[in-house]
PDB file of N, CA and C in Angstrom:
ATOM      1  N   UNK A   1      -9.757  18.462 -15.473  1.00  0.00           N
ATOM      2  CA  UNK A   1      -9.366  17.613 -15.367  1.00  0.00           C
ATOM      3  C   UNK A   1      -8.218  16.748 -16.432  1.00  0.00           C
ATOM      4  N   UNK A   2      -6.624  16.333 -16.337  1.00  0.00           N
ATOM      5  CA  UNK A   2      -5.654  15.818 -17.137  1.00  0.00           C
ATOM      6  C   UNK A   2      -6.148  14.172 -17.779  1.00  0.00           C
ATOM      7  N   UNK A   3      -6.101  13.766 -18.605  1.00  0.00           N
ATOM      8  CA  UNK A   3      -6.392  12.568 -19.438  1.00  0.00           C
ATOM      9  C   UNK A   3      -4.736  11.676 -19.027  1.00  0.00           C
ATOM     10  N   UNK A   4      -5.099  11.000 -18.035  1.00  0.00           N
ATOM     11  CA  UNK A   4      -3.708  10.910 -18.033  1.00  0.00           C
ATOM     12  C   UNK A   4      -3.487   9.192 -18.571  1.00  0.00           C
ATOM     13  N   UNK A   5      -4.565   8.902 -19.540  1.00  0.00           N
ATOM     14  CA  UNK A   5      -4.377   7.259 -20.309  1.00  0.00           C
ATOM     15  C   UNK A   5      -3.293   8.098 -21.426  1.00  0.00           C
ATOM     16  N   UNK A   6      -3.438   8.689 -22.390  1.00  0.00           N
ATOM     17  CA  UNK A   6      -2.043   8.938 -23.127  1.00  0.00           C
ATOM     18  C   UNK A   6      -0.944   8.920 -22.388  1.00  0.00           C
ATOM     19  N   UNK A   7      -0.257   9.769 -21.397  1.00  0.00           N
ATOM     20  CA  UNK A   7       0.935   9.304 -20.752  1.00  0.00           C
ATOM     21  C   UNK A   7       1.429   8.359 -20.134  1.00  0.00           C
ATOM     22  N   UNK A   8       0.174   7.221 -19.402  1.00  0.00           N
ATOM     23  CA  UNK A   8       0.687   6.221 -19.376  1.00  0.00           C
ATOM     24  C   UNK A   8       0.626   5.100 -20.114  1.00  0.00           C
ATOM     25  N   UNK A   9      -0.027   5.159 -20.868  1.00  0.00           N
ATOM     26  CA  UNK A   9       0.129   4.569 -22.748  1.00  0.00           C
ATOM     27  C   UNK A   9       1.960   4.113 -23.448  1.00  0.00           C
ATOM     28  N   UNK A  10       1.650   5.634 -23.244  1.00  0.00           N
ATOM     29  CA  UNK A  10       2.925   6.331 -23.581  1.00  0.00           C
ATOM     30  C   UNK A  10       4.850   5.531 -22.843  1.00  0.00           C
ATOM     31  N   UNK A  11       4.081   5.808 -21.570  1.00  0.00           N
ATOM     32  CA  UNK A  11       5.127   5.014 -20.965  1.00  0.00           C
ATOM     33  C   UNK A  11       4.825   3.683 -20.631  1.00  0.00           C
ATOM     34  N   UNK A  12       4.176   3.063 -20.927  1.00  0.00           N
ATOM     35  CA  UNK A  12       4.267   2.022 -20.751  1.00  0.00           C
ATOM     36  C   UNK A  12       5.184   1.186 -22.593  1.00  0.00           C
ATOM     37  N   UNK A  13       4.622   1.515 -23.176  1.00  0.00           N
ATOM     38  CA  UNK A  13       5.166   1.715 -24.867  1.00  0.00           C
ATOM     39  C   UNK A  13       6.406   1.825 -24.807  1.00  0.00           C
ATOM     40  N   UNK A  14       6.646   2.488 -23.769  1.00  0.00           N
ATOM     41  CA  UNK A  14       8.392   2.932 -24.176  1.00  0.00           C
ATOM     42  C   UNK A  14       9.390   1.567 -23.477  1.00  0.00           C
ATOM     43  N   UNK A  15       8.752   0.964 -22.101  1.00  0.00           N
ATOM     44  CA  UNK A  15       8.982   0.379 -21.166  1.00  0.00           C
ATOM     45  C   UNK A  15      10.338  -0.455 -21.899  1.00  0.00           C
ATOM     46  N   UNK A  16      11.114  -1.110 -21.430  1.00  0.00           N
ATOM     47  CA  UNK A  16      11.818  -2.146 -21.973  1.00  0.00           C
ATOM     48  C   UNK A  16      11.396  -3.296 -21.519  1.00  0.00           C
ATOM     49  N   UNK A  17      10.160  -3.462 -20.486  1.00  0.00           N
ATOM     50  CA  UNK A  17      10.498  -4.711 -19.674  1.00  0.00           C
ATOM     51  C   UNK A  17       8.968  -4.811 -20.119  1.00  0.00           C
ATOM     52  N   UNK A  18       8.266  -5.754 -20.178  1.00  0.00           N
ATOM     53  CA  UNK A  18       6.800  -6.339 -20.477  1.00  0.00           C
ATOM     54  C   UNK A  18       6.212  -6.335 -18.908  1.00  0.00           C
ATOM     55  N   UNK A  19       4.927  -6.823 -19.301  1.00  0.00           N
ATOM     56  CA  UNK A  19       4.537  -7.599 -18.068  1.00  0.00           C
ATOM     57  C   UNK A  19       3.456  -6.993 -16.831  1.00  0.00           C
ATOM     58  N   UNK A  20       2.936  -7.300 -16.087  1.00  0.00           N
ATOM     59  CA  UNK A  20       1.954  -6.382 -15.306  1.00  0.00           C
ATOM     60  C   UNK A  20       3.252  -6.414 -14.230  1.00  0.00           C
ATOM     61  N   UNK A  21       3.540  -6.337 -13.651  1.00  0.00           N
ATOM     62  CA  UNK A  21       4.837  -5.738 -12.584  1.00  0.00           C
ATOM     63  C   UNK A  21       5.072  -4.889 -13.163  1.00  0.00           C
ATOM     64  N   UNK A  22       5.783  -4.778 -14.442  1.00  0.00           N
ATOM     65  CA  UNK A  22       6.029  -3.736 -15.236  1.00  0.00           C
ATOM     66  C   UNK A  22       5.337  -2.291 -15.513  1.00  0.00           C
ATOM     67  N   UNK A  23       3.872  -2.295 -15.394  1.00  0.00           N
ATOM     68  CA  UNK A  23       2.802  -1.899 -15.782  1.00  0.00           C
ATOM     69  C   UNK A  23       2.653  -0.837 -14.470  1.00  0.00           C
ATOM     70  N   UNK A  24       2.579  -1.730 -13.310  1.00  0.00           N
ATOM     71  CA  UNK A  24       2.567  -1.565 -11.641  1.00  0.00           C
ATOM     72  C   UNK A  24       3.329  -0.563 -10.968  1.00  0.00           C
ATOM     73  N   UNK A  25       4.334  -0.829 -11.847  1.00  0.00           N
ATOM     74  CA  UNK A  25       6.051  -0.010 -11.297  1.00  0.00           C
ATOM     75  C   UNK A  25       5.364   1.482 -11.576  1.00  0.00           C
ATOM     76  N   UNK A  26       4.860   1.158 -12.998  1.00  0.00           N
ATOM     77  CA  UNK A  26       5.278   2.693 -13.618  1.00  0.00           C
ATOM     78  C   UNK A  26       3.561   3.531 -13.084  1.00  0.00           C
ATOM     79  N   UNK A  27       1.893   2.657 -12.806  1.00  0.00           N
ATOM     80  CA  UNK A  27       1.485   3.395 -12.088  1.00  0.00           C
ATOM     81  C   UNK A  27       1.924   3.724 -10.338  1.00  0.00           C
ATOM     82  N   UNK A  28       2.144   2.740 -10.234  1.00  0.00           N
ATOM     83  CA  UNK A  28       2.696   3.008  -9.130  1.00  0.00           C
ATOM     84  C   UNK A  28       3.255   4.533  -8.656  1.00  0.00           C
ATOM     85  N   UNK A  29       4.558   4.912  -9.906  1.00  0.00           N
ATOM     86  CA  UNK A  29       5.355   5.670  -9.291  1.00  0.00           C
ATOM     87  C   UNK A  29       4.116   7.118 -10.278  1.00  0.00           C
ATOM     88  N   UNK A  30       3.789   7.054 -11.276  1.00  0.00           N
ATOM     89  CA  UNK A  30       2.421   8.052 -11.690  1.00  0.00           C
ATOM     90  C   UNK A  30       1.965   8.603 -10.232  1.00  0.00           C
ATOM     91  N   UNK A  31       1.062   7.538  -9.193  1.00  0.00           N
ATOM     92  CA  UNK A  31       0.766   8.290  -8.737  1.00  0.00           C
ATOM     93  C   UNK A  31       0.822   9.345  -7.261  1.00  0.00           C
ATOM     94  N   UNK A  32       2.456   8.542  -7.796  1.00  0.00           N
ATOM     95  CA  UNK A  32       3.528   9.293  -6.190  1.00  0.00           C
ATOM     96  C   UNK A  32       3.462  10.906  -6.686  1.00  0.00           C
ATOM     97  N   UNK A  33       3.918  10.605  -8.369  1.00  0.00           N
ATOM     98  CA  UNK A  33       4.100  11.873  -8.991  1.00  0.00           C
ATOM     99  C   UNK A  33       3.326  13.252  -8.992  1.00  0.00           C
ATOM    100  N   UNK A  34       1.981  12.402  -8.645  1.00  0.00           N
ATOM    101  CA  UNK A  34       0.890  13.171  -9.493  1.00  0.00           C
ATOM    102  C   UNK A  34       0.129  13.943  -7.788  1.00  0.00           C
ATOM    103  N   UNK A  35       0.329  12.920  -6.503  1.00  0.00           N
ATOM    104  CA  UNK A  35      -0.069  13.496  -5.351  1.00  0.00           C
ATOM    105  C   UNK A  35       1.325  14.853  -4.679  1.00  0.00           C
ATOM    106  N   UNK A  36       2.482  14.089  -5.341  1.00  0.00           N
ATOM    107  CA  UNK A  36       3.316  14.799  -4.565  1.00  0.00           C
ATOM    108  C   UNK A  36       3.370  16.168  -5.605  1.00  0.00           C
ATOM    109  N   UNK A  37       3.001  16.507  -6.918  1.00  0.00           N
ATOM    110  CA  UNK A  37       2.854  17.269  -7.336  1.00  0.00           C
ATOM    111  C   UNK A  37       1.918  18.662  -6.943  1.00  0.00           C
ATOM    112  N   UNK A  38       0.368  17.266  -6.784  1.00  0.00           N
ATOM    113  CA  UNK A  38      -0.303  18.550  -6.427  1.00  0.00           C
ATOM    114  C   UNK A  38      -1.028  18.888  -4.941  1.00  0.00           C
ATOM    115  N   UNK A  39      -0.081  18.155  -4.222  1.00  0.00           N
ATOM    116  CA  UNK A  39       0.584  18.579  -3.066  1.00  0.00           C
ATOM    117  C   UNK A  39       1.371  19.879  -2.360  1.00  0.00           C
ATOM    118  N   UNK A  40       2.132  20.191  -3.678  1.00  0.00           N
ATOM    119  CA  UNK A  40       3.234  21.284  -4.119  1.00  0.00           C
ATOM    120  C   UNK A  40       2.325  22.201  -4.432  1.00  0.00           C
ATOM    121  N   UNK A  41       1.574  22.452  -5.102  1.00  0.00           N
ATOM    122  CA  UNK A  41       0.506  23.417  -6.448  1.00  0.00           C
ATOM    123  C   UNK A  41       0.684  24.444  -4.820  1.00  0.00           C
ATOM    124  N   UNK A  42       0.920  25.892  -4.977  1.00  0.00           N
ATOM    125  CA  UNK A  42       0.966  26.942  -4.467  1.00  0.00           C
ATOM    126  C   UNK A  42       0.311  28.433  -5.016  1.00  0.00           C
ATOM    127  N   UNK A  43      -0.226  28.478  -4.462  1.00  0.00           N
ATOM    128  CA  UNK A  43      -1.403  28.570  -3.344  1.00  0.00           C
ATOM    129  C   UNK A  43      -1.701  27.475  -3.596  1.00  0.00           C
ATOM    130  N   UNK A  44      -2.214  26.456  -2.291  1.00  0.00           N
ATOM    131  CA  UNK A  44      -2.657  24.812  -2.446  1.00  0.00           C
ATOM    132  C   UNK A  44      -4.237  24.607  -3.058  1.00  0.00           C
ATOM    133  N   UNK A  45      -3.996  23.646  -2.822  1.00  0.00           N
ATOM    134  CA  UNK A  45      -5.364  23.556  -3.627  1.00  0.00           C
ATOM    135  C   UNK A  45      -6.672  22.673  -2.852  1.00  0.00           C
ATOM    136  N   UNK A  46      -7.624  22.544  -3.494  1.00  0.00           N
ATOM    137  CA  UNK A  46      -8.284  22.141  -2.406  1.00  0.00           C
ATOM    138  C   UNK A  46      -8.572  20.232  -2.434  1.00  0.00           C
ATOM    139  N   UNK A  47      -8.820  19.801  -1.635  1.00  0.00           N
ATOM    140  CA  UNK A  47      -8.961  17.996  -1.320  1.00  0.00           C
ATOM    141  C   UNK A  47      -9.958  17.711  -1.848  1.00  0.00           C
ATOM    142  N   UNK A  48     -11.045  18.642  -1.845  1.00  0.00           N
ATOM    143  CA  UNK A  48     -11.320  18.212  -3.628  1.00  0.00           C
ATOM    144  C   UNK A  48     -11.067  17.989  -4.990  1.00  0.00           C
ATOM    145  N   UNK A  49     -10.058  18.937  -5.107  1.00  0.00           N
ATOM    146  CA  UNK A  49      -9.302  18.937  -6.394  1.00  0.00           C
ATOM    147  C   UNK A  49      -8.383  17.742  -6.728  1.00  0.00           C
ATOM    148  N   UNK A  50      -7.824  17.966  -5.624  1.00  0.00           N
ATOM    149  CA  UNK A  50      -6.757  16.689  -5.349  1.00  0.00           C
ATOM    150  C   UNK A  50      -7.440  15.224  -5.501  1.00  0.00           C
ATOM    151  N   UNK A  51      -9.017  14.870  -5.437  1.00  0.00           N
ATOM    152  CA  UNK A  51      -9.481  13.404  -5.061  1.00  0.00           C
ATOM    153  C   UNK A  51      -9.882  13.888  -6.514  1.00  0.00           C
ATOM    154  N   UNK A  52     -10.416  14.637  -7.358  1.00  0.00           N
ATOM    155  CA  UNK A  52     -10.410  14.272  -8.414  1.00  0.00           C
ATOM    156  C   UNK A  52      -9.621  14.059  -9.432  1.00  0.00           C
ATOM    157  N   UNK A  53      -8.207  14.423  -9.492  1.00  0.00           N
ATOM    158  CA  UNK A  53      -7.516  14.216 -10.298  1.00  0.00           C
ATOM    159  C   UNK A  53      -6.661  13.152  -9.917  1.00  0.00           C
ATOM    160  N   UNK A  54      -6.552  12.160  -8.832  1.00  0.00           N
ATOM    161  CA  UNK A  54      -6.810  11.101  -7.966  1.00  0.00           C
ATOM    162  C   UNK A  54      -7.478  10.446  -8.861  1.00  0.00           C
ATOM    163  N   UNK A  55      -8.723  10.467  -8.452  1.00  0.00           N
ATOM    164  CA  UNK A  55      -9.950   9.510 -10.012  1.00  0.00           C
ATOM    165  C   UNK A  55      -9.757   9.910 -11.042  1.00  0.00           C
ATOM    166  N   UNK A  56      -8.926  10.775 -11.617  1.00  0.00           N
ATOM    167  CA  UNK A  56      -9.303  10.584 -13.092  1.00  0.00           C
ATOM    168  C   UNK A  56      -7.891   9.812 -13.250  1.00  0.00           C
ATOM    169  N   UNK A  57      -7.071   9.493 -12.688  1.00  0.00           N
ATOM    170  CA  UNK A  57      -5.705   9.435 -13.270  1.00  0.00           C
ATOM    171  C   UNK A  57      -6.166   7.390 -13.101  1.00  0.00           C
ATOM    172  N   UNK A  58      -6.884   7.011 -11.791  1.00  0.00           N
ATOM    173  CA  UNK A  58      -7.131   5.744 -11.614  1.00  0.00           C
ATOM    174  C   UNK A  58      -8.328   4.969 -12.573  1.00  0.00           C
ATOM    175  N   UNK A  59      -8.625   6.169 -13.120  1.00  0.00           N
ATOM    176  CA  UNK A  59      -9.465   5.891 -14.324  1.00  0.00           C
ATOM    177  C   UNK A  59      -8.856   5.161 -15.645  1.00  0.00           C
ATOM    178  N   UNK A  60      -8.105   6.231 -15.887  1.00  0.00           N
ATOM    179  CA  UNK A  60      -6.552   5.983 -16.512  1.00  0.00           C
ATOM    180  C   UNK A  60      -5.534   4.618 -16.926  1.00  0.00           C
ATOM    181  N   UNK A  61      -6.116   4.754 -15.074  1.00  0.00           N
ATOM    182  CA  UNK A  61      -5.287   3.056 -14.996  1.00  0.00           C
ATOM    183  C   UNK A  61      -6.148   1.542 -15.913  1.00  0.00           C
ATOM    184  N   UNK A  62      -7.276   1.976 -14.695  1.00  0.00           N
ATOM    185  CA  UNK A  62      -8.170   0.989 -15.265  1.00  0.00           C
ATOM    186  C   UNK A  62      -7.995   0.546 -16.759  1.00  0.00           C
ATOM    187  N   UNK A  63      -8.453   2.075 -17.391  1.00  0.00           N
ATOM    188  CA  UNK A  63      -8.334   1.910 -19.049  1.00  0.00           C
ATOM    189  C   UNK A  63      -7.426   0.984 -19.644  1.00  0.00           C
ATOM    190  N   UNK A  64      -5.968   1.038 -19.120  1.00  0.00           N
ATOM    191  CA  UNK A  64      -4.570   0.564 -19.634  1.00  0.00           C
ATOM    192  C   UNK A  64      -4.427  -0.319 -19.595  1.00  0.00           C
ATOM    193  N   UNK A  65      -4.857  -0.943 -17.615  1.00  0.00           N
ATOM    194  CA  UNK A  65      -4.760  -2.505 -17.435  1.00  0.00           C
ATOM    195  C   UNK A  65      -6.088  -3.223 -18.566  1.00  0.00           C
ATOM    196  N   UNK A  66      -6.870  -2.489 -19.146  1.00  0.00           N
ATOM    197  CA  UNK A  66      -7.905  -3.175 -19.827  1.00  0.00           C
ATOM    198  C   UNK A  66      -7.377  -3.915 -21.433  1.00  0.00           C
ATOM    199  N   UNK A  67      -6.498  -2.716 -21.747  1.00  0.00           N
ATOM    200  CA  UNK A  67      -5.745  -3.163 -23.044  1.00  0.00           C
ATOM    201  C   UNK A  67      -4.860  -3.512 -22.903  1.00  0.00           C
ATOM    202  N   UNK A  68      -4.105  -4.006 -22.029  1.00  0.00           N
ATOM    203  CA  UNK A  68      -3.091  -4.824 -21.507  1.00  0.00           C
ATOM    204  C   UNK A  68      -3.066  -6.223 -21.538  1.00  0.00           C
ATOM    205  N   UNK A  69      -4.581  -6.390 -20.662  1.00  0.00           N
ATOM    206  CA  UNK A  69      -3.806  -7.542 -20.193  1.00  0.00           C
ATOM    207  C   UNK A  69      -5.498  -7.668 -20.170  1.00  0.00           C
ATOM    208  N   UNK A  70      -6.354  -9.377 -20.306  1.00  0.00           N
ATOM    209  CA  UNK A  70      -7.394  -9.786 -20.023  1.00  0.00           C
ATOM    210  C   UNK A  70      -7.167 -11.224 -18.903  1.00  0.00           C
ATOM    211  N   UNK A  71      -8.192 -11.573 -18.687  1.00  0.00           N
ATOM    212  CA  UNK A  71      -8.076 -12.514 -18.067  1.00  0.00           C
ATOM    213  C   UNK A  71      -9.715 -13.629 -18.268  1.00  0.00           C
ATOM    214  N   UNK A  72      -9.211 -15.232 -18.754  1.00  0.00           N
ATOM    215  CA  UNK A  72      -9.971 -15.974 -18.446  1.00  0.00           C
ATOM    216  C   UNK A  72     -10.666 -17.354 -17.946  1.00  0.00           C
ATOM    217  N   UNK A  73     -11.677 -16.678 -17.514  1.00  0.00           N
ATOM    218  CA  UNK A  73     -12.441 -17.999 -16.519  1.00  0.00           C
ATOM    219  C   UNK A  73     -12.164 -19.270 -17.357  1.00  0.00           C
ATOM    220  N   UNK A  74     -11.784 -19.837 -16.392  1.00  0.00           N
ATOM    221  CA  UNK A  74     -11.945 -21.635 -17.288  1.00  0.00           C
ATOM    222  C   UNK A  74     -12.501 -21.809 -15.407  1.00  0.00           C
ATOM    223  N   UNK A  75     -13.041 -23.136 -15.764  1.00  0.00           N
ATOM    224  CA  UNK A  75     -13.814 -23.849 -14.695  1.00  0.00           C
ATOM    225  C   UNK A  75     -12.851 -24.453 -13.599  1.00  0.00           C
ATOM    226  N   UNK A  76     -11.474 -23.904 -13.557  1.00  0.00           N
ATOM    227  CA  UNK A  76     -10.594 -24.125 -12.710  1.00  0.00           C
ATOM    228  C   UNK A  76     -10.004 -23.349 -11.869  1.00  0.00           C
ATOM    229  N   UNK A  77     -10.928 -22.255 -12.283  1.00  0.00           N
ATOM    230  CA  UNK A  77     -10.101 -20.839 -11.742  1.00  0.00           C
ATOM    231  C   UNK A  77      -9.479 -19.828 -12.652  1.00  0.00           C
ATOM    232  N   UNK A  78      -8.973 -18.993 -12.498  1.00  0.00           N
ATOM    233  CA  UNK A  78      -9.100 -17.588 -13.541  1.00  0.00           C
ATOM    234  C   UNK A  78      -7.408 -17.529 -13.628  1.00  0.00           C
ATOM    235  N   UNK A  79      -6.938 -17.526 -15.282  1.00  0.00           N
ATOM    236  CA  UNK A  79      -5.422 -16.983 -15.861  1.00  0.00           C
ATOM    237  C   UNK A  79      -5.641 -15.539 -16.192  1.00  0.00           C
ATOM    238  N   UNK A  80      -4.378 -15.202 -16.015  1.00  0.00           N
ATOM    239  CA  UNK A  80      -4.677 -13.827 -16.605  1.00  0.00           C
ATOM    240  C   UNK A  80      -3.418 -13.976 -17.548  1.00  0.00           C
ATOM    241  N   UNK A  81      -3.420 -13.227 -18.866  1.00  0.00           N
ATOM    242  CA  UNK A  81      -2.081 -12.867 -19.465  1.00  0.00           C
ATOM    243  C   UNK A  81      -2.133 -11.817 -20.057  1.00  0.00           C
ATOM    244  N   UNK A  82      -0.762 -11.200 -20.197  1.00  0.00           N
ATOM    245  CA  UNK A  82      -0.320 -10.226 -21.161  1.00  0.00           C
ATOM    246  C   UNK A  82      -0.778 -10.186 -22.373  1.00  0.00           C
ATOM    247  N   UNK A  83      -0.989  -9.230 -22.959  1.00  0.00           N
ATOM    248  CA  UNK A  83      -1.473  -9.486 -24.504  1.00  0.00           C
ATOM    249  C   UNK A  83       0.173  -8.165 -24.636  1.00  0.00           C
ATOM    250  N   UNK A  84       0.353  -8.582 -26.219  1.00  0.00           N
ATOM    251  CA  UNK A  84       2.049  -8.318 -26.714  1.00  0.00           C
ATOM    252  C   UNK A  84       1.625  -6.621 -26.872  1.00  0.00           C
ATOM    253  N   UNK A  85       3.091  -5.862 -26.514  1.00  0.00           N
ATOM    254  CA  UNK A  85       3.049  -4.926 -26.350  1.00  0.00           C
ATOM    255  C   UNK A  85       3.085  -4.197 -27.611  1.00  0.00           C
ATOM    256  N   UNK A  86       3.235  -4.633 -28.682  1.00  0.00           N
ATOM    257  CA  UNK A  86       3.683  -3.713 -30.365  1.00  0.00           C
ATOM    258  C   UNK A  86       2.225  -3.659 -30.643  1.00  0.00           C
ATOM    259  N   UNK A  87       1.153  -2.532 -31.264  1.00  0.00           N
ATOM    260  CA  UNK A  87       0.159  -2.787 -31.931  1.00  0.00           C
ATOM    261  C   UNK A  87      -0.090  -4.110 -33.202  1.00  0.00           C
ATOM    262  N   UNK A  88       1.484  -3.809 -33.449  1.00  0.00           N
ATOM    263  CA  UNK A  88       1.134  -4.889 -34.470  1.00  0.00           C
ATOM    264  C   UNK A  88       1.304  -6.347 -34.465  1.00  0.00           C
ATOM    265  N   UNK A  89       1.814  -6.641 -33.345  1.00  0.00           N
ATOM    266  CA  UNK A  89       1.580  -8.052 -32.970  1.00  0.00           C
ATOM    267  C   UNK A  89       0.285  -8.348 -32.682  1.00  0.00           C
ATOM    268  N   UNK A  90      -0.448  -7.713 -32.939  1.00  0.00           N
ATOM    269  CA  UNK A  90      -2.005  -7.862 -32.318  1.00  0.00           C
ATOM    270  C   UNK A  90      -3.225  -7.883 -33.420  1.00  0.00           C
ATOM    271  N   UNK A  91      -2.295  -7.423 -34.497  1.00  0.00           N
ATOM    272  CA  UNK A  91      -2.930  -7.518 -36.266  1.00  0.00           C
ATOM    273  C   UNK A  91      -2.966  -8.638 -36.981  1.00  0.00           C
ATOM    274  N   UNK A  92      -3.511  -9.366 -37.061  1.00  0.00           N
ATOM    275  CA  UNK A  92      -3.924 -10.591 -37.398  1.00  0.00           C
ATOM    276  C   UNK A  92      -4.794 -11.070 -38.698  1.00  0.00           C
ATOM    277  N   UNK A  93      -4.655 -12.187 -39.602  1.00  0.00           N
ATOM    278  CA  UNK A  93      -5.193 -12.053 -40.831  1.00  0.00           C
ATOM    279  C   UNK A  93      -7.295 -12.129 -40.292  1.00  0.00           C
ATOM    280  N   UNK A  94      -7.899 -11.113 -40.577  1.00  0.00           N
ATOM    281  CA  UNK A  94      -9.947 -11.593 -40.074  1.00  0.00           C
ATOM    282  C   UNK A  94      -9.931 -12.974 -40.848  1.00  0.00           C
ATOM    283  N   UNK A  95     -10.206 -13.526 -39.568  1.00  0.00           N
ATOM    284  CA  UNK A  95     -10.534 -15.398 -41.068  1.00  0.00           C
ATOM    285  C   UNK A  95     -12.130 -15.015 -41.815  1.00  0.00           C
ATOM    286  N   UNK A  96     -11.924 -16.115 -42.539  1.00  0.00           N
ATOM    287  CA  UNK A  96     -13.145 -16.169 -43.378  1.00  0.00           C
ATOM    288  C   UNK A  96     -14.522 -16.528 -42.812  1.00  0.00           C
ATOM    289  N   UNK A  97     -15.303 -15.873 -42.044  1.00  0.00           N
ATOM    290  CA  UNK A  97     -16.103 -16.432 -41.588  1.00  0.00           C
ATOM    291  C   UNK A  97     -17.793 -17.004 -42.629  1.00  0.00           C
ATOM    292  N   UNK A  98     -17.175 -16.139 -43.316  1.00  0.00           N
ATOM    293  CA  UNK A  98     -18.487 -16.812 -44.540  1.00  0.00           C
ATOM    294  C   UNK A  98     -18.547 -18.495 -45.229  1.00  0.00           C
ATOM    295  N   UNK A  99     -19.562 -18.797 -44.999  1.00  0.00           N
ATOM    296  CA  UNK A  99     -19.375 -19.948 -45.263  1.00  0.00           C
ATOM    297  C   UNK A  99     -19.563 -20.343 -47.218  1.00  0.00           C
ATOM    298  N   UNK A 100     -18.941 -21.149 -47.712  1.00  0.00           N
ATOM    299  CA  UNK A 100     -19.006 -20.637 -48.950  1.00  0.00           C
ATOM    300  C   UNK A 100     -19.722 -22.219 -49.456  1.00  0.00           C
ATOM    301  N   UNK A 101     -20.871 -21.057 -50.542  1.00  0.00           N
ATOM    302  CA  UNK A 101     -21.819 -21.851 -50.939  1.00  0.00           C
ATOM    303  C   UNK A 101     -21.422 -22.433 -52.392  1.00  0.00           C
ATOM    304  N   UNK A 102     -20.455 -22.471 -52.822  1.00  0.00           N
ATOM    305  CA  UNK A 102     -20.128 -23.490 -54.156  1.00  0.00           C
ATOM    306  C   UNK A 102     -19.493 -24.866 -53.209  1.00  0.00           C
ATOM    307  N   UNK A 103     -19.046 -26.243 -54.043  1.00  0.00           N
ATOM    308  CA  UNK A 103     -18.248 -27.142 -53.299  1.00  0.00           C
ATOM    309  C   UNK A 103     -17.466 -27.201 -53.456  1.00  0.00           C
TER     310      UNK A 103
END
């Protein structure tokens, strides 16, 4: 089976648009392309192999979704946020968690 994660992550990183809608469009395009390619293989491959490849793609989609978005569970409901596109934007200075022993 193919690891589709690097392909999806690269497509999202190159996308000029951000957000969940852009990712969803990429995911739908990948699903359609994979199904079309698998169905056009000659000689035909089994439905089991097709299902395995589609499951592999869905696993990669879940990994990408987890990397690029997250949800907060607040008292009044769920709120979703998109993470920044660029890794550099995710890098923040680490807070000093050690208590100072001197006043």
